[in-house]
Amino acid sequence: MPSLHWLGVDLGGTKILAALFDDNFRMVARSKQSTNYEEGGPAVFARIVTAVDAVLAGGKISPSDVRGMGLAVPGQIVPQSTIVRYAPNLNWRDFDLAPLFPKHWSWPVIVENDVRMGTYGEWKHGAAIGAKHVFGVFAGTGVGGGLILNGDLYHGFNGHAGEIGHIIIGWKNGVELEAIAGRRNLMYRASDIIADSPKDVRKEWKGVDPTTFKSSEIAEYFARGEPVVTRLVDEAAKAIASGVGTVVNLLSPEVVVIGGGLTKALGPAFPERIWEITQRYALPRATENVRCVMAALGDDAGVTGAAAYAKVRFQASNT
């Protein structure tokens, strides 16, 4: 019998991860590329192909041994298609990926939202195994969400369920949660705050451009108590908590998973702070017996979920 392998690709605002799994879901190989979204969609997709080729070579697997691939993209996907309707952190609109698939991709491909796939990965193989109702919140370049309801990945009527980052939390000014808690917007806000700060604060930041910060740099400044970053991280926690509290009241999840690159960098204290504030927004006893957990798979949640989802979607056609 030929070996069965599954591919997962997680396209992020800053990096592309690809991973190859065997049929028992052991990771065989992993590859990482920079996204460089400024270069445009075709150039980004060329790096996806490079990442996939790297894991096939690393796992010494031929394309004929791959039975399916999940491709996780940070944006809205037209249901049951390869068209990215809108990916704000990539500047993509109505971008069809299928024409860019290389000829040696002989396997079927499912395109899904990245955080939906991260949530799916944590449900199948991570922090939320065994739960029937899961809400995933991932804070990275932006902020996204995913839902498992009654033991199934929930898409909603138009296929966009779970987009917590676009919840309006400042209704008077139309402020989205992602504008406060997403890493990219968070550091643009840092730049504005620094420019309007007293001279001693501006002096401390002289020659430093916060808009270029990675999550690890934010965590470093936060750990040493730098006041601008400390303020912004706490505001991000409060913004996410307001969204999570709303979802707890609305959908009553069993497990809330907090993940993403910013969360991983800041460590367990960040989801703990989010959950502490969430309970102020939730109805009395709405959080009773609800678990709020940090994502267990780290950076690999998206690739794991994408590959696992591809297996569920395509394994029947391979038996």
Protein backbone atom coordinates (compact mmCIF):
# COMPACT_ATOMS: atom_id res chain seq x y z
CA MET A 1 0.00 0.00 0.00
CA PRO A 2 1.28 3.51 -0.81
CA SER A 3 1.93 5.73 2.18
CA LEU A 4 -0.62 8.42 2.97
CA HIS A 5 0.60 11.91 3.77
CA TRP A 6 -1.14 15.22 4.36
CA LEU A 7 0.12 18.76 3.85
CA GLY A 8 -0.73 21.83 5.88
CA VAL A 9 0.27 25.38 4.93
CA ASP A 10 -0.30 28.40 7.16
CA LEU A 11 0.06 31.73 5.36
CA GLY A 12 0.58 34.54 7.86
CA GLY A 13 1.18 38.25 7.57
CA THR A 14 4.91 37.80 8.25
CA LYS A 15 5.71 34.12 7.70
CA ILE A 16 4.65 31.04 5.77
CA LEU A 17 4.76 27.67 7.51
CA ALA A 18 4.39 24.35 5.72
CA ALA A 19 4.33 20.91 7.33
CA LEU A 20 4.01 17.32 6.17
CA PHE A 21 2.18 14.75 8.31
CA ASP A 22 1.89 10.98 7.99
CA ASP A 23 -1.47 9.27 8.31
CA ASN A 24 -1.03 8.94 12.10
CA PHE A 25 -0.47 12.69 12.21
CA ARG A 26 3.17 12.63 13.14
CA MET A 27 4.93 15.66 11.68
CA VAL A 28 7.44 14.40 9.14
CA ALA A 29 8.92 17.72 7.99
CA ARG A 30 8.45 21.45 8.48
CA SER A 31 9.51 24.53 6.51
CA LYS A 32 9.37 28.29 7.09
CA GLN A 33 9.49 31.20 4.62
CA SER A 34 9.04 34.95 4.94
CA THR A 35 5.76 36.23 3.53
CA ASN A 36 6.97 39.60 2.16
CA TYR A 37 3.37 40.46 1.28
CA GLU A 38 4.46 43.82 -0.18
CA GLU A 39 5.75 41.96 -3.25
CA GLY A 40 2.23 40.92 -4.27
CA GLY A 41 0.14 37.76 -4.43
CA PRO A 42 2.02 35.77 -7.10
CA ALA A 43 5.37 36.30 -5.34
CA VAL A 44 3.86 35.24 -2.01
CA PHE A 45 2.41 32.12 -3.60
CA ALA A 46 5.76 31.27 -5.16
CA ARG A 47 7.16 31.13 -1.61
CA ILE A 48 4.30 28.84 -0.59
CA VAL A 49 5.36 26.49 -3.39
CA THR A 50 8.98 26.70 -2.18
CA ALA A 51 7.89 25.83 1.37
CA VAL A 52 5.85 22.85 0.16
CA ASP A 53 8.72 21.58 -2.01
CA ALA A 54 11.02 21.86 1.03
CA VAL A 55 8.85 19.65 3.24
CA LEU A 56 8.45 17.05 0.51
CA ALA A 57 12.23 16.96 0.10
CA GLY A 58 12.76 16.94 3.87
CA GLY A 59 10.34 14.06 4.31
CA LYS A 60 11.67 12.22 1.24
CA ILE A 61 8.10 11.98 -0.01
CA SER A 62 7.06 12.08 -3.65
CA PRO A 63 4.00 14.15 -4.70
CA SER A 64 2.15 10.90 -5.45
CA ASP A 65 2.22 10.03 -1.74
CA VAL A 66 0.33 13.21 -0.76
CA ARG A 67 -3.42 12.71 -0.47
CA GLY A 68 -4.50 16.27 0.25
CA MET A 69 -3.47 19.71 1.41
CA GLY A 70 -5.06 22.39 3.54
CA LEU A 71 -4.05 25.99 2.83
CA ALA A 72 -4.82 28.44 5.63
CA VAL A 73 -5.12 32.10 4.56
CA PRO A 74 -5.62 35.15 6.81
CA GLY A 75 -8.84 36.46 5.35
CA GLN A 76 -12.30 35.76 3.98
CA ILE A 77 -12.57 32.80 1.62
CA VAL A 78 -15.40 32.36 -0.87
CA PRO A 79 -16.99 29.12 0.42
CA GLN A 80 -15.98 25.93 -1.38
CA SER A 81 -13.52 27.76 -3.62
CA THR A 82 -9.90 28.85 -3.98
CA ILE A 83 -10.82 32.55 -4.06
CA VAL A 84 -9.66 34.86 -1.29
CA ARG A 85 -12.36 37.49 -1.07
CA TYR A 86 -10.49 39.81 1.31
CA ALA A 87 -7.22 39.42 3.22
CA PRO A 88 -6.53 42.78 4.91
CA ASN A 89 -3.03 41.99 6.15
CA LEU A 90 -1.97 40.84 2.66
CA ASN A 91 -3.82 43.54 0.69
CA TRP A 92 -5.64 40.84 -1.31
CA ARG A 93 -9.12 41.23 -2.76
CA ASP A 94 -10.91 38.66 -4.95
CA PHE A 95 -7.65 36.80 -5.54
CA ASP A 96 -7.98 33.31 -7.05
CA LEU A 97 -5.16 31.00 -5.98
CA ALA A 98 -5.94 28.05 -8.25
CA PRO A 99 -4.25 29.46 -11.39
CA LEU A 100 -1.00 29.61 -9.38
CA PHE A 101 -1.04 25.93 -8.36
CA PRO A 102 2.01 24.25 -9.98
CA LYS A 103 1.52 21.20 -12.19
CA HIS A 104 3.25 18.84 -9.76
CA TRP A 105 0.55 19.51 -7.14
CA SER A 106 -1.38 16.38 -8.01
CA TRP A 107 -3.30 16.38 -4.74
CA PRO A 108 -6.59 18.16 -3.90
CA VAL A 109 -6.37 21.47 -2.02
CA ILE A 110 -8.85 23.03 0.42
CA VAL A 111 -8.45 26.75 1.15
CA GLU A 112 -9.67 27.97 4.53
CA ASN A 113 -9.32 30.87 6.94
CA ASP A 114 -6.10 30.66 8.97
CA VAL A 115 -7.56 31.12 12.44
CA ARG A 116 -10.38 28.73 11.70
CA MET A 117 -7.68 26.19 10.88
CA GLY A 118 -5.70 27.10 14.01
CA THR A 119 -8.81 26.52 16.11
CA TYR A 120 -9.43 23.24 14.30
CA GLY A 121 -5.85 22.15 15.00
CA GLU A 122 -6.18 22.89 18.72
CA TRP A 123 -9.48 21.00 18.79
CA LYS A 124 -8.15 17.93 16.98
CA HIS A 125 -4.62 17.74 18.35
CA GLY A 126 -4.06 20.50 20.95
CA ALA A 127 -5.49 22.28 23.95
CA ALA A 128 -9.20 21.63 23.22
CA ILE A 129 -9.20 17.90 22.47
CA GLY A 130 -12.50 16.30 23.45
CA ALA A 131 -14.55 19.50 23.68
CA LYS A 132 -17.72 19.99 21.62
CA HIS A 133 -17.93 23.79 21.76
CA VAL A 134 -14.69 25.71 21.21
CA PHE A 135 -13.92 29.35 20.55
CA GLY A 136 -10.41 30.12 19.31
CA VAL A 137 -8.90 33.62 19.40
CA PHE A 138 -5.52 34.14 17.77
CA ALA A 139 -3.63 37.41 18.20
CA GLY A 140 -0.81 37.85 15.71
CA THR A 141 -0.37 40.32 12.88
CA GLY A 142 -4.13 40.78 13.21
CA VAL A 143 -6.75 39.13 15.41
CA GLY A 144 -8.93 36.28 14.20
CA GLY A 145 -11.30 33.70 15.58
CA GLY A 146 -12.71 30.27 14.88
CA LEU A 147 -15.65 28.25 16.19
CA ILE A 148 -16.32 24.58 16.81
CA LEU A 149 -20.02 24.17 17.59
CA ASN A 150 -21.62 20.83 18.42
CA GLY A 151 -18.44 19.07 17.37
CA ASP A 152 -18.19 20.64 13.90
CA LEU A 153 -16.24 23.51 12.38
CA TYR A 154 -18.74 26.33 12.07
CA HIS A 155 -18.71 28.56 8.99
CA GLY A 156 -22.06 30.32 9.18
CA PHE A 157 -24.35 31.25 6.30
CA ASN A 158 -21.81 33.18 4.19
CA GLY A 159 -18.79 31.26 5.44
CA HIS A 160 -17.22 33.98 7.60
CA ALA A 161 -18.17 32.97 11.14
CA GLY A 162 -15.70 33.67 13.93
CA GLU A 163 -14.20 36.96 12.73
CA ILE A 164 -13.77 38.43 16.21
CA GLY A 165 -11.09 40.85 15.02
CA HIS A 166 -13.71 42.81 13.14
CA ILE A 167 -16.14 43.15 16.04
CA ILE A 168 -16.78 46.85 16.64
CA ILE A 169 -15.80 47.60 20.24
CA GLY A 170 -15.90 51.40 19.97
CA TRP A 171 -19.26 51.99 18.33
CA LYS A 172 -19.08 55.79 18.34
CA ASN A 173 -15.96 55.80 16.18
CA GLY A 174 -16.37 52.41 14.53
CA VAL A 175 -13.21 50.98 16.15
CA GLU A 176 -12.54 47.31 15.40
CA LEU A 177 -10.98 44.99 17.96
CA GLU A 178 -8.09 44.27 15.55
CA ALA A 179 -7.23 47.99 15.43
CA ILE A 180 -6.32 47.79 19.12
CA ALA A 181 -5.07 44.22 19.56
CA GLY A 182 -3.43 43.21 16.27
CA ARG A 183 0.36 43.42 16.39
CA ARG A 184 0.71 45.61 13.30
CA ASN A 185 -1.91 48.15 14.38
CA LEU A 186 -0.72 47.99 17.97
CA MET A 187 2.75 49.15 17.01
CA TYR A 188 1.47 51.88 14.70
CA ARG A 189 -0.42 53.16 17.74
CA ALA A 190 2.83 52.96 19.73
CA SER A 191 4.47 55.25 17.18
CA ASP A 192 1.68 57.82 17.57
CA ILE A 193 1.83 57.66 21.38
CA ILE A 194 5.60 58.10 21.42
CA ALA A 195 5.40 61.12 19.12
CA ASP A 196 2.94 62.75 21.54
CA SER A 197 4.84 61.76 24.71
CA PRO A 198 7.05 63.86 26.99
CA LYS A 199 10.64 64.47 25.98
CA ASP A 200 12.12 61.76 28.23
CA VAL A 201 9.92 59.08 26.63
CA ARG A 202 10.76 60.27 23.12
CA LYS A 203 14.44 60.17 24.07
CA GLU A 204 14.15 56.53 25.18
CA TRP A 205 12.68 55.60 21.80
CA LYS A 206 15.07 57.69 19.69
CA GLY A 207 16.30 55.70 16.71
CA VAL A 208 13.80 52.88 17.33
CA ASP A 209 10.92 52.28 14.91
CA PRO A 210 8.19 50.35 16.75
CA THR A 211 6.26 49.74 13.52
CA THR A 212 8.94 47.19 12.57
CA PHE A 213 8.62 45.24 15.84
CA LYS A 214 8.03 41.51 15.83
CA SER A 215 6.02 39.86 18.60
CA SER A 216 9.25 38.82 20.35
CA GLU A 217 10.37 42.47 20.55
CA ILE A 218 7.01 43.54 21.97
CA ALA A 219 7.38 40.81 24.60
CA GLU A 220 10.89 41.97 25.43
CA TYR A 221 9.79 45.58 26.01
CA PHE A 222 6.75 44.39 27.97
CA ALA A 223 8.88 42.16 30.21
CA ARG A 224 11.04 45.08 31.28
CA GLY A 225 8.00 47.24 31.99
CA GLU A 226 8.44 49.83 29.25
CA PRO A 227 5.42 52.12 29.82
CA VAL A 228 4.22 52.61 26.21
CA VAL A 229 4.31 48.90 25.36
CA THR A 230 2.89 47.92 28.77
CA ARG A 231 -0.07 50.25 28.21
CA LEU A 232 -0.71 48.95 24.69
CA VAL A 233 -0.48 45.27 25.65
CA ASP A 234 -2.96 45.78 28.49
CA GLU A 235 -5.29 47.65 26.13
CA ALA A 236 -4.99 44.74 23.70
CA ALA A 237 -5.92 42.28 26.48
CA LYS A 238 -8.94 44.39 27.41
CA ALA A 239 -10.06 44.68 23.78
CA ILE A 240 -9.79 40.93 23.23
CA ALA A 241 -11.56 40.29 26.53
CA SER A 242 -14.49 42.46 25.48
CA GLY A 243 -14.87 40.36 22.34
CA VAL A 244 -14.47 37.06 24.18
CA GLY A 245 -17.00 38.13 26.81
CA THR A 246 -19.48 38.93 24.03
CA VAL A 247 -18.97 35.49 22.47
CA VAL A 248 -19.28 33.75 25.84
CA ASN A 249 -22.62 35.50 26.37
CA LEU A 250 -23.78 34.77 22.83
CA LEU A 251 -22.60 31.21 22.14
CA SER A 252 -21.56 29.72 25.52
CA PRO A 253 -18.38 27.88 24.48
CA GLU A 254 -16.96 25.07 26.60
CA VAL A 255 -13.33 26.00 25.92
CA VAL A 256 -11.76 29.31 24.90
CA VAL A 257 -8.34 28.89 23.27
CA ILE A 258 -6.05 31.93 23.13
CA GLY A 259 -3.23 31.62 20.61
CA GLY A 260 -1.25 33.40 17.91
CA GLY A 261 2.26 34.76 17.64
CA LEU A 262 1.73 37.69 20.01
CA THR A 263 0.18 35.41 22.64
CA LYS A 264 3.03 32.92 22.35
CA ALA A 265 5.62 35.69 22.76
CA LEU A 266 3.91 37.28 25.78
CA GLY A 267 3.35 33.94 27.50
CA PRO A 268 0.62 32.58 29.80
CA ALA A 269 0.12 35.89 31.63
CA PHE A 270 -1.53 37.36 28.51
CA PRO A 271 -4.42 34.84 28.21
CA GLU A 272 -4.75 34.90 32.00
CA ARG A 273 -5.26 38.68 31.87
CA ILE A 274 -7.74 38.30 29.00
CA TRP A 275 -9.78 35.75 30.94
CA GLU A 276 -9.71 37.82 34.12
CA ILE A 277 -11.27 40.76 32.25
CA THR A 278 -13.60 38.54 30.21
CA GLN A 279 -15.36 37.50 33.40
CA ARG A 280 -16.27 41.13 34.07
CA TYR A 281 -18.09 41.30 30.73
CA ALA A 282 -19.76 37.88 30.94
CA LEU A 283 -23.18 37.34 32.46
CA PRO A 284 -23.33 35.90 35.98
CA ARG A 285 -22.24 32.23 35.90
CA ALA A 286 -21.78 32.34 32.09
CA THR A 287 -18.12 31.39 32.58
CA GLU A 288 -18.85 28.67 35.12
CA ASN A 289 -16.82 25.52 34.25
CA VAL A 290 -15.60 27.20 31.04
CA ARG A 291 -11.90 26.64 30.45
CA CYS A 292 -9.71 29.38 29.01
CA VAL A 293 -6.45 27.85 27.82
CA MET A 294 -3.36 28.95 25.96
CA ALA A 295 -2.92 27.28 22.57
CA ALA A 296 -0.81 24.13 22.97
CA LEU A 297 0.49 23.84 19.41
CA GLY A 298 2.09 27.28 19.18
CA ASP A 299 3.11 28.21 15.66
CA ASP A 300 2.05 24.78 14.40
CA ALA A 301 -1.67 25.17 15.19
CA GLY A 302 -2.46 26.44 11.68
CA VAL A 303 -0.49 23.84 9.71
CA THR A 304 -1.80 21.05 11.95
CA GLY A 305 -5.39 22.20 11.59
CA ALA A 306 -5.09 22.71 7.83
CA ALA A 307 -3.66 19.23 7.29
CA ALA A 308 -6.19 17.64 9.68
CA TYR A 309 -9.06 19.38 7.92
CA ALA A 310 -7.75 18.22 4.53
CA LYS A 311 -7.65 14.66 5.84
CA VAL A 312 -11.26 14.83 7.02
CA ARG A 313 -12.37 16.36 3.71
CA PHE A 314 -10.40 14.10 1.37
CA GLN A 315 -9.76 10.79 3.13
CA ALA A 316 -13.02 9.24 1.87
CA SER A 317 -11.87 9.71 -1.73
CA ASN A 318 -8.55 8.01 -0.92
CA THR A 319 -9.97 4.84 0.59
